[in-house]
Amino acid sequence: MTAILASIAIIIFPVFGIVALGFVAAKGGLISDKASDGLAEYVFGLAVPILIFKTLSESRLPEAQPWGYWIAYFAGAFIVFGLAMVMARKVFHRGHAEAVIHGFAAGQANTVFLGVPLILQAYGEEGAVPLFLLIAIHLPVMLVAATLLVEGNAGLSLRTLKRLGRTLALNPILIGIYAGALGRIFDIQTSGAIKQMLDLVAASASPCALISLGLALNRYGLAGEFKVSAFITAMKLLVHPALVFALVQVLPMPPVWAGVAVLFAAMPCGINAYLLAQRYGAGVKVASSAVSLSTAIGMLTIAFWLYVLDAG
């Protein structure tokens, strides 16, 4: 028991400690909102895509995809998506667009800013391939589903479909994934000064992502709607990973892939929920509060799921 708790602490504390460092730096005025935006753009637009490219181009991809992995994760994601939507309409009496935002917040995980550093800390290089393959599918699937649900209620327009396609085609994370996959297929390996340059940028991805998350928490904070945000937080941190954990027990996949799926599901609400709420002008306060609350509580719940996975 003591050994398990010590190993969990080694994973959890450095990750959330850096998030707290970013939060304190922003709260104390050491880093401004302007710098916060720039750091987030660097992480999302350059550091993490290069990390993904390096990992996928240098790793051995599985010959056959473990379909149980995909089924386990996305079954859990869409169940909580649907439950949160139903609760928003029937219990919290929200409109259609805001109900979709609730569902998206409950089912969409913070993958780039917290998932990447924490899962790599837990599983190392062995967990990198399943992690980045899931990231490749996760954002497009969840974003397309949410957009279709919001827009479909009033009828999809060609303009909306073009905007969605452009968003996905130009997404830096997805570009890093496609480049990495092509590098692996054609056996393109970097070397010399170029490799050293990419190694340095990739090494900065995790700490910069965590600092950026701390800065974002200071900016968004808890904006009210506590009961609704608490419900969404519970769905994201407890129900989603519980569903995935149950499914990975019966569906075939390698043990590390099962652990990555559960931890991926256990990540807090992603900032994309807040951005989507802003785009449609619905549920902005709820999304903001859910992101902040789930991240603050996430340290405890992720430690719990790490314990469950280790004990299992």
C-alpha atoms as a PDB file:
ATOM      1  CA  MET A   1       0.000   0.000   0.000  1.00  0.00           C
ATOM      2  CA  THR A   2       2.742   2.488   0.971  1.00  0.00           C
ATOM      3  CA  ALA A   3       4.697   1.709  -2.184  1.00  0.00           C
ATOM      4  CA  ILE A   4       1.620   2.256  -4.364  1.00  0.00           C
ATOM      5  CA  LEU A   5       0.826   5.594  -2.707  1.00  0.00           C
ATOM      6  CA  ALA A   6       4.456   6.709  -3.055  1.00  0.00           C
ATOM      7  CA  SER A   7       4.475   5.869  -6.779  1.00  0.00           C
ATOM      8  CA  ILE A   8       1.200   7.773  -7.272  1.00  0.00           C
ATOM      9  CA  ALA A   9       2.604  10.793  -5.442  1.00  0.00           C
ATOM     10  CA  ILE A  10       5.666  10.765  -7.715  1.00  0.00           C
ATOM     11  CA  ILE A  11       3.336  10.944 -10.734  1.00  0.00           C
ATOM     12  CA  ILE A  12       0.772  13.418  -9.381  1.00  0.00           C
ATOM     13  CA  PHE A  13       2.678  16.026  -7.373  1.00  0.00           C
ATOM     14  CA  PRO A  14       5.183  17.217 -10.008  1.00  0.00           C
ATOM     15  CA  VAL A  15       2.410  17.584 -12.585  1.00  0.00           C
ATOM     16  CA  PHE A  16      -0.070  19.474 -10.423  1.00  0.00           C
ATOM     17  CA  GLY A  17       2.746  21.294  -8.672  1.00  0.00           C
ATOM     18  CA  ILE A  18       3.714  22.947 -11.963  1.00  0.00           C
ATOM     19  CA  VAL A  19       0.043  23.802 -12.614  1.00  0.00           C
ATOM     20  CA  ALA A  20      -0.072  25.440  -9.169  1.00  0.00           C
ATOM     21  CA  LEU A  21       3.152  27.310  -9.966  1.00  0.00           C
ATOM     22  CA  GLY A  22       1.548  28.778 -13.077  1.00  0.00           C
ATOM     23  CA  PHE A  23      -1.586  29.719 -11.127  1.00  0.00           C
ATOM     24  CA  VAL A  24       0.415  31.472  -8.385  1.00  0.00           C
ATOM     25  CA  ALA A  25       2.567  33.276 -10.965  1.00  0.00           C
ATOM     26  CA  ALA A  26      -0.540  34.644 -12.667  1.00  0.00           C
ATOM     27  CA  LYS A  27      -2.246  35.503  -9.395  1.00  0.00           C
ATOM     28  CA  GLY A  28       0.852  37.409  -8.241  1.00  0.00           C
ATOM     29  CA  GLY A  29       1.150  39.305 -11.515  1.00  0.00           C
ATOM     30  CA  LEU A  30       4.447  37.689 -12.525  1.00  0.00           C
ATOM     31  CA  ILE A  31       2.898  36.567 -15.818  1.00  0.00           C
ATOM     32  CA  SER A  32       0.278  38.640 -17.626  1.00  0.00           C
ATOM     33  CA  ASP A  33      -2.758  37.491 -19.597  1.00  0.00           C
ATOM     34  CA  LYS A  34      -0.956  38.508 -22.769  1.00  0.00           C
ATOM     35  CA  ALA A  35       1.933  36.183 -21.962  1.00  0.00           C
ATOM     36  CA  SER A  36      -0.578  33.490 -21.013  1.00  0.00           C
ATOM     37  CA  ASP A  37      -2.123  33.595 -24.488  1.00  0.00           C
ATOM     38  CA  GLY A  38       1.304  33.424 -26.113  1.00  0.00           C
ATOM     39  CA  LEU A  39       2.408  30.431 -24.052  1.00  0.00           C
ATOM     40  CA  ALA A  40      -0.815  28.554 -24.810  1.00  0.00           C
ATOM     41  CA  GLU A  41      -0.330  29.207 -28.537  1.00  0.00           C
ATOM     42  CA  TYR A  42       3.270  27.956 -28.333  1.00  0.00           C
ATOM     43  CA  VAL A  43       2.205  24.747 -26.585  1.00  0.00           C
ATOM     44  CA  PHE A  44      -0.736  24.043 -28.883  1.00  0.00           C
ATOM     45  CA  GLY A  45       0.782  25.288 -32.117  1.00  0.00           C
ATOM     46  CA  LEU A  46       4.391  24.123 -31.887  1.00  0.00           C
ATOM     47  CA  ALA A  47       5.668  22.209 -28.844  1.00  0.00           C
ATOM     48  CA  VAL A  48       3.039  19.462 -28.562  1.00  0.00           C
ATOM     49  CA  PRO A  49       2.755  18.896 -32.350  1.00  0.00           C
ATOM     50  CA  ILE A  50       6.553  18.423 -32.507  1.00  0.00           C
ATOM     51  CA  LEU A  51       6.419  16.062 -29.516  1.00  0.00           C
ATOM     52  CA  ILE A  52       3.700  14.047 -31.249  1.00  0.00           C
ATOM     53  CA  PHE A  53       5.622  14.008 -34.541  1.00  0.00           C
ATOM     54  CA  LYS A  54       8.783  12.766 -32.833  1.00  0.00           C
ATOM     55  CA  THR A  55       6.958  10.103 -30.840  1.00  0.00           C
ATOM     56  CA  LEU A  56       4.962   8.648 -33.718  1.00  0.00           C
ATOM     57  CA  SER A  57       7.762   8.830 -36.302  1.00  0.00           C
ATOM     58  CA  GLU A  58      10.214   7.100 -33.957  1.00  0.00           C
ATOM     59  CA  SER A  59       7.840   4.543 -32.408  1.00  0.00           C
ATOM     60  CA  ARG A  60       6.697   1.147 -33.566  1.00  0.00           C
ATOM     61  CA  LEU A  61       2.997   1.356 -34.364  1.00  0.00           C
ATOM     62  CA  PRO A  62       0.808  -1.703 -33.685  1.00  0.00           C
ATOM     63  CA  GLU A  63       0.211  -3.921 -36.708  1.00  0.00           C
ATOM     64  CA  ALA A  64      -3.437  -4.413 -35.749  1.00  0.00           C
ATOM     65  CA  GLN A  65      -5.507  -1.811 -33.946  1.00  0.00           C
ATOM     66  CA  PRO A  66      -6.981  -3.004 -30.603  1.00  0.00           C
ATOM     67  CA  TRP A  67     -10.587  -2.049 -31.349  1.00  0.00           C
ATOM     68  CA  GLY A  68     -11.572  -2.679 -27.752  1.00  0.00           C
ATOM     69  CA  TYR A  69      -9.502   0.397 -26.870  1.00  0.00           C
ATOM     70  CA  TRP A  70     -11.520   2.695 -29.112  1.00  0.00           C
ATOM     71  CA  ILE A  71     -14.860   1.169 -28.129  1.00  0.00           C
ATOM     72  CA  ALA A  72     -14.127   1.399 -24.396  1.00  0.00           C
ATOM     73  CA  TYR A  73     -13.133   5.058 -24.496  1.00  0.00           C
ATOM     74  CA  PHE A  74     -15.748   6.451 -26.853  1.00  0.00           C
ATOM     75  CA  ALA A  75     -18.615   4.401 -25.417  1.00  0.00           C
ATOM     76  CA  GLY A  76     -17.886   6.003 -22.051  1.00  0.00           C
ATOM     77  CA  ALA A  77     -17.468   9.463 -23.619  1.00  0.00           C
ATOM     78  CA  PHE A  78     -20.786   9.422 -25.462  1.00  0.00           C
ATOM     79  CA  ILE A  79     -22.713   7.919 -22.552  1.00  0.00           C
ATOM     80  CA  VAL A  80     -21.699  10.821 -20.282  1.00  0.00           C
ATOM     81  CA  PHE A  81     -22.257  13.243 -23.183  1.00  0.00           C
ATOM     82  CA  GLY A  82     -25.827  12.005 -23.500  1.00  0.00           C
ATOM     83  CA  LEU A  83     -26.510  11.872 -19.764  1.00  0.00           C
ATOM     84  CA  ALA A  84     -25.261  15.432 -19.267  1.00  0.00           C
ATOM     85  CA  MET A  85     -27.466  16.647 -22.127  1.00  0.00           C
ATOM     86  CA  VAL A  86     -30.547  14.939 -20.685  1.00  0.00           C
ATOM     87  CA  MET A  87     -29.861  16.367 -17.228  1.00  0.00           C
ATOM     88  CA  ALA A  88     -29.392  19.851 -18.696  1.00  0.00           C
ATOM     89  CA  ARG A  89     -32.790  19.714 -20.411  1.00  0.00           C
ATOM     90  CA  LYS A  90     -34.861  17.818 -17.829  1.00  0.00           C
ATOM     91  CA  VAL A  91     -33.339  18.859 -14.486  1.00  0.00           C
ATOM     92  CA  PHE A  92     -31.537  22.163 -15.088  1.00  0.00           C
ATOM     93  CA  HIS A  93     -34.068  23.355 -17.711  1.00  0.00           C
ATOM     94  CA  ARG A  94     -31.540  24.618 -20.259  1.00  0.00           C
ATOM     95  CA  GLY A  95     -31.993  25.194 -23.967  1.00  0.00           C
ATOM     96  CA  HIS A  96     -30.752  22.863 -26.685  1.00  0.00           C
ATOM     97  CA  ALA A  97     -27.451  24.622 -27.418  1.00  0.00           C
ATOM     98  CA  GLU A  98     -26.509  24.907 -23.754  1.00  0.00           C
ATOM     99  CA  ALA A  99     -27.433  21.250 -23.188  1.00  0.00           C
ATOM    100  CA  VAL A 100     -24.947  20.295 -25.921  1.00  0.00           C
ATOM    101  CA  ILE A 101     -22.276  22.409 -24.210  1.00  0.00           C
ATOM    102  CA  HIS A 102     -22.954  20.531 -20.953  1.00  0.00           C
ATOM    103  CA  GLY A 103     -22.582  17.210 -22.766  1.00  0.00           C
ATOM    104  CA  PHE A 104     -19.423  18.292 -24.559  1.00  0.00           C
ATOM    105  CA  ALA A 105     -17.863  19.500 -21.294  1.00  0.00           C
ATOM    106  CA  ALA A 106     -18.666  16.169 -19.607  1.00  0.00           C
ATOM    107  CA  GLY A 107     -17.297  14.035 -22.437  1.00  0.00           C
ATOM    108  CA  GLN A 108     -14.323  16.028 -23.759  1.00  0.00           C
ATOM    109  CA  ALA A 109     -11.079  15.683 -21.811  1.00  0.00           C
ATOM    110  CA  ASN A 110      -8.192  18.094 -21.287  1.00  0.00           C
ATOM    111  CA  THR A 111      -5.751  16.130 -23.405  1.00  0.00           C
ATOM    112  CA  VAL A 112      -3.048  18.569 -24.498  1.00  0.00           C
ATOM    113  CA  PHE A 113      -2.460  20.680 -21.404  1.00  0.00           C
ATOM    114  CA  LEU A 114      -2.831  17.950 -18.746  1.00  0.00           C
ATOM    115  CA  GLY A 115      -3.379  14.573 -20.406  1.00  0.00           C
ATOM    116  CA  VAL A 116      -0.081  14.530 -22.313  1.00  0.00           C
ATOM    117  CA  PRO A 117       2.187  15.452 -19.357  1.00  0.00           C
ATOM    118  CA  LEU A 118       0.403  13.237 -16.829  1.00  0.00           C
ATOM    119  CA  ILE A 119      -0.040  10.104 -18.931  1.00  0.00           C
ATOM    120  CA  LEU A 120       3.566  10.287 -20.164  1.00  0.00           C
ATOM    121  CA  GLN A 121       4.639  10.698 -16.533  1.00  0.00           C
ATOM    122  CA  ALA A 122       2.635   7.587 -15.607  1.00  0.00           C
ATOM    123  CA  TYR A 123       3.454   5.283 -18.535  1.00  0.00           C
ATOM    124  CA  GLY A 124       6.495   6.804 -20.223  1.00  0.00           C
ATOM    125  CA  GLU A 125       7.296   5.969 -23.847  1.00  0.00           C
ATOM    126  CA  GLU A 126       5.188   2.800 -23.685  1.00  0.00           C
ATOM    127  CA  GLY A 127       2.053   4.888 -23.248  1.00  0.00           C
ATOM    128  CA  ALA A 128       2.933   7.509 -25.884  1.00  0.00           C
ATOM    129  CA  VAL A 129       1.577   5.674 -28.935  1.00  0.00           C
ATOM    130  CA  PRO A 130      -1.877   4.824 -27.521  1.00  0.00           C
ATOM    131  CA  LEU A 131      -2.069   8.327 -26.042  1.00  0.00           C
ATOM    132  CA  PHE A 132      -1.334  10.178 -29.282  1.00  0.00           C
ATOM    133  CA  LEU A 133      -3.440   7.837 -31.411  1.00  0.00           C
ATOM    134  CA  LEU A 134      -6.402   8.548 -29.139  1.00  0.00           C
ATOM    135  CA  ILE A 135      -5.725  12.292 -29.275  1.00  0.00           C
ATOM    136  CA  ALA A 136      -5.817  12.009 -33.079  1.00  0.00           C
ATOM    137  CA  ILE A 137      -9.375  10.673 -32.982  1.00  0.00           C
ATOM    138  CA  HIS A 138     -10.679  12.315 -29.805  1.00  0.00           C
ATOM    139  CA  LEU A 139     -10.783  15.980 -30.824  1.00  0.00           C
ATOM    140  CA  PRO A 140     -12.289  15.497 -34.311  1.00  0.00           C
ATOM    141  CA  VAL A 141     -14.948  13.063 -33.102  1.00  0.00           C
ATOM    142  CA  MET A 142     -16.054  15.117 -30.092  1.00  0.00           C
ATOM    143  CA  LEU A 143     -15.910  18.482 -31.878  1.00  0.00           C
ATOM    144  CA  VAL A 144     -17.810  17.219 -34.930  1.00  0.00           C
ATOM    145  CA  ALA A 145     -20.460  15.593 -32.720  1.00  0.00           C
ATOM    146  CA  ALA A 146     -20.980  18.764 -30.667  1.00  0.00           C
ATOM    147  CA  THR A 147     -21.085  21.025 -33.739  1.00  0.00           C
ATOM    148  CA  LEU A 148     -23.575  18.788 -35.548  1.00  0.00           C
ATOM    149  CA  LEU A 149     -25.800  18.634 -32.473  1.00  0.00           C
ATOM    150  CA  VAL A 150     -25.839  22.417 -32.010  1.00  0.00           C
ATOM    151  CA  GLU A 151     -26.143  23.358 -35.661  1.00  0.00           C
ATOM    152  CA  GLY A 152     -28.368  20.447 -36.646  1.00  0.00           C
ATOM    153  CA  ASN A 153     -31.194  21.713 -34.472  1.00  0.00           C
ATOM    154  CA  ALA A 154     -31.598  24.690 -36.818  1.00  0.00           C
ATOM    155  CA  GLY A 155     -30.316  23.024 -39.970  1.00  0.00           C
ATOM    156  CA  LEU A 156     -26.678  22.663 -40.999  1.00  0.00           C
ATOM    157  CA  SER A 157     -25.295  25.214 -43.410  1.00  0.00           C
ATOM    158  CA  LEU A 158     -22.524  24.786 -45.945  1.00  0.00           C
ATOM    159  CA  ARG A 159     -20.669  27.615 -44.221  1.00  0.00           C
ATOM    160  CA  THR A 160     -20.700  25.706 -40.922  1.00  0.00           C
ATOM    161  CA  LEU A 161     -19.395  22.539 -42.565  1.00  0.00           C
ATOM    162  CA  LYS A 162     -16.613  24.481 -44.299  1.00  0.00           C
ATOM    163  CA  ARG A 163     -15.637  26.162 -41.030  1.00  0.00           C
ATOM    164  CA  LEU A 164     -15.564  22.811 -39.226  1.00  0.00           C
ATOM    165  CA  GLY A 165     -13.503  21.212 -41.986  1.00  0.00           C
ATOM    166  CA  ARG A 166     -11.034  24.110 -41.967  1.00  0.00           C
ATOM    167  CA  THR A 167     -10.725  23.931 -38.173  1.00  0.00           C
ATOM    168  CA  LEU A 168      -9.850  20.240 -38.306  1.00  0.00           C
ATOM    169  CA  ALA A 169      -7.602  20.473 -41.368  1.00  0.00           C
ATOM    170  CA  LEU A 170      -5.486  23.277 -39.879  1.00  0.00           C
ATOM    171  CA  ASN A 171      -5.388  21.975 -36.310  1.00  0.00           C
ATOM    172  CA  PRO A 172      -1.671  21.875 -35.323  1.00  0.00           C
ATOM    173  CA  ILE A 173      -2.135  18.772 -33.135  1.00  0.00           C
ATOM    174  CA  LEU A 174      -3.645  16.831 -36.016  1.00  0.00           C
ATOM    175  CA  ILE A 175      -0.937  18.076 -38.400  1.00  0.00           C
ATOM    176  CA  GLY A 176       1.682  16.743 -35.965  1.00  0.00           C
ATOM    177  CA  ILE A 177      -0.112  13.393 -35.880  1.00  0.00           C
ATOM    178  CA  TYR A 178      -0.376  13.121 -39.671  1.00  0.00           C
ATOM    179  CA  ALA A 179       3.286  14.122 -40.108  1.00  0.00           C
ATOM    180  CA  GLY A 180       4.364  11.591 -37.490  1.00  0.00           C
ATOM    181  CA  ALA A 181       2.353   8.809 -39.122  1.00  0.00           C
ATOM    182  CA  LEU A 182       3.857   9.612 -42.526  1.00  0.00           C
ATOM    183  CA  GLY A 183       7.329   9.701 -40.978  1.00  0.00           C
ATOM    184  CA  ARG A 184       6.754   6.240 -39.543  1.00  0.00           C
ATOM    185  CA  ILE A 185       5.302   4.823 -42.771  1.00  0.00           C
ATOM    186  CA  PHE A 186       8.145   6.133 -44.955  1.00  0.00           C
ATOM    187  CA  ASP A 187      10.796   5.633 -42.253  1.00  0.00           C
ATOM    188  CA  ILE A 188      11.785   9.312 -42.169  1.00  0.00           C
ATOM    189  CA  GLN A 189      14.097   9.912 -39.196  1.00  0.00           C
ATOM    190  CA  THR A 190      15.634  13.222 -38.147  1.00  0.00           C
ATOM    191  CA  SER A 191      19.296  13.352 -37.166  1.00  0.00           C
ATOM    192  CA  GLY A 192      22.088  15.768 -36.258  1.00  0.00           C
ATOM    193  CA  ALA A 193      21.287  19.395 -35.523  1.00  0.00           C
ATOM    194  CA  ILE A 194      17.661  19.088 -36.676  1.00  0.00           C
ATOM    195  CA  LYS A 195      17.041  16.225 -34.252  1.00  0.00           C
ATOM    196  CA  GLN A 196      18.621  18.181 -31.389  1.00  0.00           C
ATOM    197  CA  MET A 197      16.457  21.196 -32.196  1.00  0.00           C
ATOM    198  CA  LEU A 198      13.256  19.109 -32.264  1.00  0.00           C
ATOM    199  CA  ASP A 199      14.287  17.320 -29.057  1.00  0.00           C
ATOM    200  CA  LEU A 200      14.634  20.642 -27.221  1.00  0.00           C
ATOM    201  CA  VAL A 201      11.244  21.926 -28.369  1.00  0.00           C
ATOM    202  CA  ALA A 202       9.551  18.596 -27.592  1.00  0.00           C
ATOM    203  CA  ALA A 203      11.092  18.561 -24.105  1.00  0.00           C
ATOM    204  CA  SER A 204       9.475  21.935 -23.388  1.00  0.00           C
ATOM    205  CA  ALA A 205       5.956  20.717 -24.245  1.00  0.00           C
ATOM    206  CA  SER A 206       4.964  19.200 -20.896  1.00  0.00           C
ATOM    207  CA  PRO A 207       6.219  21.908 -18.481  1.00  0.00           C
ATOM    208  CA  CYS A 208       4.944  24.722 -20.699  1.00  0.00           C
ATOM    209  CA  ALA A 209       1.544  23.032 -21.052  1.00  0.00           C
ATOM    210  CA  LEU A 210       1.222  22.719 -17.271  1.00  0.00           C
ATOM    211  CA  ILE A 211       2.244  26.330 -16.638  1.00  0.00           C
ATOM    212  CA  SER A 212      -0.226  27.430 -19.312  1.00  0.00           C
ATOM    213  CA  LEU A 213      -2.999  25.451 -17.615  1.00  0.00           C
ATOM    214  CA  GLY A 214      -2.248  27.166 -14.302  1.00  0.00           C
ATOM    215  CA  LEU A 215      -2.462  30.561 -16.027  1.00  0.00           C
ATOM    216  CA  ALA A 216      -5.783  29.589 -17.593  1.00  0.00           C
ATOM    217  CA  LEU A 217      -7.235  28.576 -14.234  1.00  0.00           C
ATOM    218  CA  ASN A 218      -6.462  32.031 -12.858  1.00  0.00           C
ATOM    219  CA  ARG A 219      -8.184  33.639 -15.847  1.00  0.00           C
ATOM    220  CA  TYR A 220     -11.367  31.562 -15.979  1.00  0.00           C
ATOM    221  CA  GLY A 221     -11.973  30.758 -12.314  1.00  0.00           C
ATOM    222  CA  LEU A 222     -15.376  29.789 -10.942  1.00  0.00           C
ATOM    223  CA  ALA A 223     -17.966  31.947 -12.674  1.00  0.00           C
ATOM    224  CA  GLY A 224     -21.070  30.769 -10.815  1.00  0.00           C
ATOM    225  CA  GLU A 225     -23.501  27.941 -11.680  1.00  0.00           C
ATOM    226  CA  PHE A 226     -21.790  25.793  -9.044  1.00  0.00           C
ATOM    227  CA  LYS A 227     -24.389  22.994  -8.850  1.00  0.00           C
ATOM    228  CA  VAL A 228     -24.396  22.469 -12.608  1.00  0.00           C
ATOM    229  CA  SER A 229     -20.616  22.663 -12.813  1.00  0.00           C
ATOM    230  CA  ALA A 230     -20.292  20.187  -9.942  1.00  0.00           C
ATOM    231  CA  PHE A 231     -22.555  17.732 -11.775  1.00  0.00           C
ATOM    232  CA  ILE A 232     -20.522  18.028 -14.992  1.00  0.00           C
ATOM    233  CA  THR A 233     -17.316  17.642 -12.961  1.00  0.00           C
ATOM    234  CA  ALA A 234     -18.622  14.442 -11.358  1.00  0.00           C
ATOM    235  CA  MET A 235     -19.572  13.048 -14.766  1.00  0.00           C
ATOM    236  CA  LYS A 236     -16.129  13.839 -16.174  1.00  0.00           C
ATOM    237  CA  LEU A 237     -13.910  12.793 -13.276  1.00  0.00           C
ATOM    238  CA  LEU A 238     -15.852   9.812 -11.912  1.00  0.00           C
ATOM    239  CA  VAL A 239     -18.539   8.454 -14.252  1.00  0.00           C
ATOM    240  CA  HIS A 240     -16.574   8.622 -17.508  1.00  0.00           C
ATOM    241  CA  PRO A 241     -13.446   6.820 -16.207  1.00  0.00           C
ATOM    242  CA  ALA A 242     -15.635   4.338 -14.286  1.00  0.00           C
ATOM    243  CA  LEU A 243     -17.427   3.371 -17.494  1.00  0.00           C
ATOM    244  CA  VAL A 244     -14.136   3.030 -19.390  1.00  0.00           C
ATOM    245  CA  PHE A 245     -12.579   1.039 -16.541  1.00  0.00           C
ATOM    246  CA  ALA A 246     -15.512  -1.399 -16.616  1.00  0.00           C
ATOM    247  CA  LEU A 247     -15.237  -1.798 -20.386  1.00  0.00           C
ATOM    248  CA  VAL A 248     -11.454  -2.354 -20.474  1.00  0.00           C
ATOM    249  CA  GLN A 249     -11.986  -5.333 -18.153  1.00  0.00           C
ATOM    250  CA  VAL A 250     -13.977  -7.183 -20.822  1.00  0.00           C
ATOM    251  CA  LEU A 251     -12.714  -5.802 -24.146  1.00  0.00           C
ATOM    252  CA  PRO A 252      -9.368  -7.064 -25.560  1.00  0.00           C
ATOM    253  CA  MET A 253      -6.402  -4.655 -25.475  1.00  0.00           C
ATOM    254  CA  PRO A 254      -2.835  -4.519 -24.069  1.00  0.00           C
ATOM    255  CA  PRO A 255      -2.661  -3.553 -20.354  1.00  0.00           C
ATOM    256  CA  VAL A 256      -0.886  -0.244 -20.984  1.00  0.00           C
ATOM    257  CA  TRP A 257      -3.517   0.736 -23.559  1.00  0.00           C
ATOM    258  CA  ALA A 258      -6.219  -0.033 -20.987  1.00  0.00           C
ATOM    259  CA  GLY A 259      -4.499   2.191 -18.419  1.00  0.00           C
ATOM    260  CA  VAL A 260      -4.106   5.026 -20.925  1.00  0.00           C
ATOM    261  CA  ALA A 261      -7.809   4.818 -21.851  1.00  0.00           C
ATOM    262  CA  VAL A 262      -8.906   5.070 -18.210  1.00  0.00           C
ATOM    263  CA  LEU A 263      -6.518   7.929 -17.375  1.00  0.00           C
ATOM    264  CA  PHE A 264      -7.485   9.753 -20.573  1.00  0.00           C
ATOM    265  CA  ALA A 265     -11.136   9.516 -19.495  1.00  0.00           C
ATOM    266  CA  ALA A 266     -10.196  10.683 -15.973  1.00  0.00           C
ATOM    267  CA  MET A 267      -8.744  13.991 -17.228  1.00  0.00           C
ATOM    268  CA  PRO A 268     -10.640  17.180 -16.288  1.00  0.00           C
ATOM    269  CA  CYS A 269     -12.944  19.045 -18.666  1.00  0.00           C
ATOM    270  CA  GLY A 270     -11.040  20.461 -21.618  1.00  0.00           C
ATOM    271  CA  ILE A 271     -10.745  24.183 -22.324  1.00  0.00           C
ATOM    272  CA  ASN A 272     -12.336  23.504 -25.725  1.00  0.00           C
ATOM    273  CA  ALA A 273     -15.677  23.301 -23.885  1.00  0.00           C
ATOM    274  CA  TYR A 274     -15.282  26.926 -22.851  1.00  0.00           C
ATOM    275  CA  LEU A 275     -14.206  27.953 -26.363  1.00  0.00           C
ATOM    276  CA  LEU A 276     -17.195  26.176 -27.932  1.00  0.00           C
ATOM    277  CA  ALA A 277     -19.534  27.824 -25.421  1.00  0.00           C
ATOM    278  CA  GLN A 278     -18.116  31.220 -26.352  1.00  0.00           C
ATOM    279  CA  ARG A 279     -18.605  30.512 -30.058  1.00  0.00           C
ATOM    280  CA  TYR A 280     -22.310  29.766 -29.615  1.00  0.00           C
ATOM    281  CA  GLY A 281     -22.958  32.179 -26.727  1.00  0.00           C
ATOM    282  CA  ALA A 282     -24.462  29.416 -24.585  1.00  0.00           C
ATOM    283  CA  GLY A 283     -23.352  27.974 -21.242  1.00  0.00           C
ATOM    284  CA  VAL A 284     -20.202  30.097 -21.004  1.00  0.00           C
ATOM    285  CA  LYS A 285     -20.301  30.420 -17.199  1.00  0.00           C
ATOM    286  CA  VAL A 286     -21.012  26.709 -16.744  1.00  0.00           C
ATOM    287  CA  ALA A 287     -18.212  25.654 -19.094  1.00  0.00           C
ATOM    288  CA  SER A 288     -15.722  28.020 -17.449  1.00  0.00           C
ATOM    289  CA  SER A 289     -16.599  26.825 -13.967  1.00  0.00           C
ATOM    290  CA  ALA A 290     -16.556  23.160 -14.987  1.00  0.00           C
ATOM    291  CA  VAL A 291     -13.048  23.517 -16.464  1.00  0.00           C
ATOM    292  CA  SER A 292     -11.727  25.194 -13.310  1.00  0.00           C
ATOM    293  CA  LEU A 293     -13.549  22.996 -10.787  1.00  0.00           C
ATOM    294  CA  SER A 294     -12.694  19.702 -12.494  1.00  0.00           C
ATOM    295  CA  THR A 295      -9.027  20.699 -12.772  1.00  0.00           C
ATOM    296  CA  ALA A 296      -8.872  21.704  -9.095  1.00  0.00           C
ATOM    297  CA  ILE A 297     -10.465  18.433  -7.949  1.00  0.00           C
ATOM    298  CA  GLY A 298      -8.694  16.375 -10.597  1.00  0.00           C
ATOM    299  CA  MET A 299      -5.567  15.912  -8.508  1.00  0.00           C
ATOM    300  CA  LEU A 300      -7.528  13.791  -6.027  1.00  0.00           C
ATOM    301  CA  THR A 301      -9.626  11.846  -8.522  1.00  0.00           C
ATOM    302  CA  ILE A 302      -6.706  11.092 -10.842  1.00  0.00           C
ATOM    303  CA  ALA A 303      -4.746   9.821  -7.838  1.00  0.00           C
ATOM    304  CA  PHE A 304      -7.734   7.564  -7.081  1.00  0.00           C
ATOM    305  CA  TRP A 305      -7.813   6.145 -10.618  1.00  0.00           C
ATOM    306  CA  LEU A 306      -4.052   5.607 -10.575  1.00  0.00           C
ATOM    307  CA  TYR A 307      -4.541   3.615  -7.378  1.00  0.00           C
ATOM    308  CA  VAL A 308      -7.375   1.588  -8.932  1.00  0.00           C
ATOM    309  CA  LEU A 309      -5.278   0.812 -12.014  1.00  0.00           C
ATOM    310  CA  ASP A 310      -2.237  -0.138  -9.925  1.00  0.00           C
ATOM    311  CA  ALA A 311      -4.311  -2.271  -7.555  1.00  0.00           C
ATOM    312  CA  GLY A 312      -6.016  -3.934 -10.505  1.00  0.00           C
END
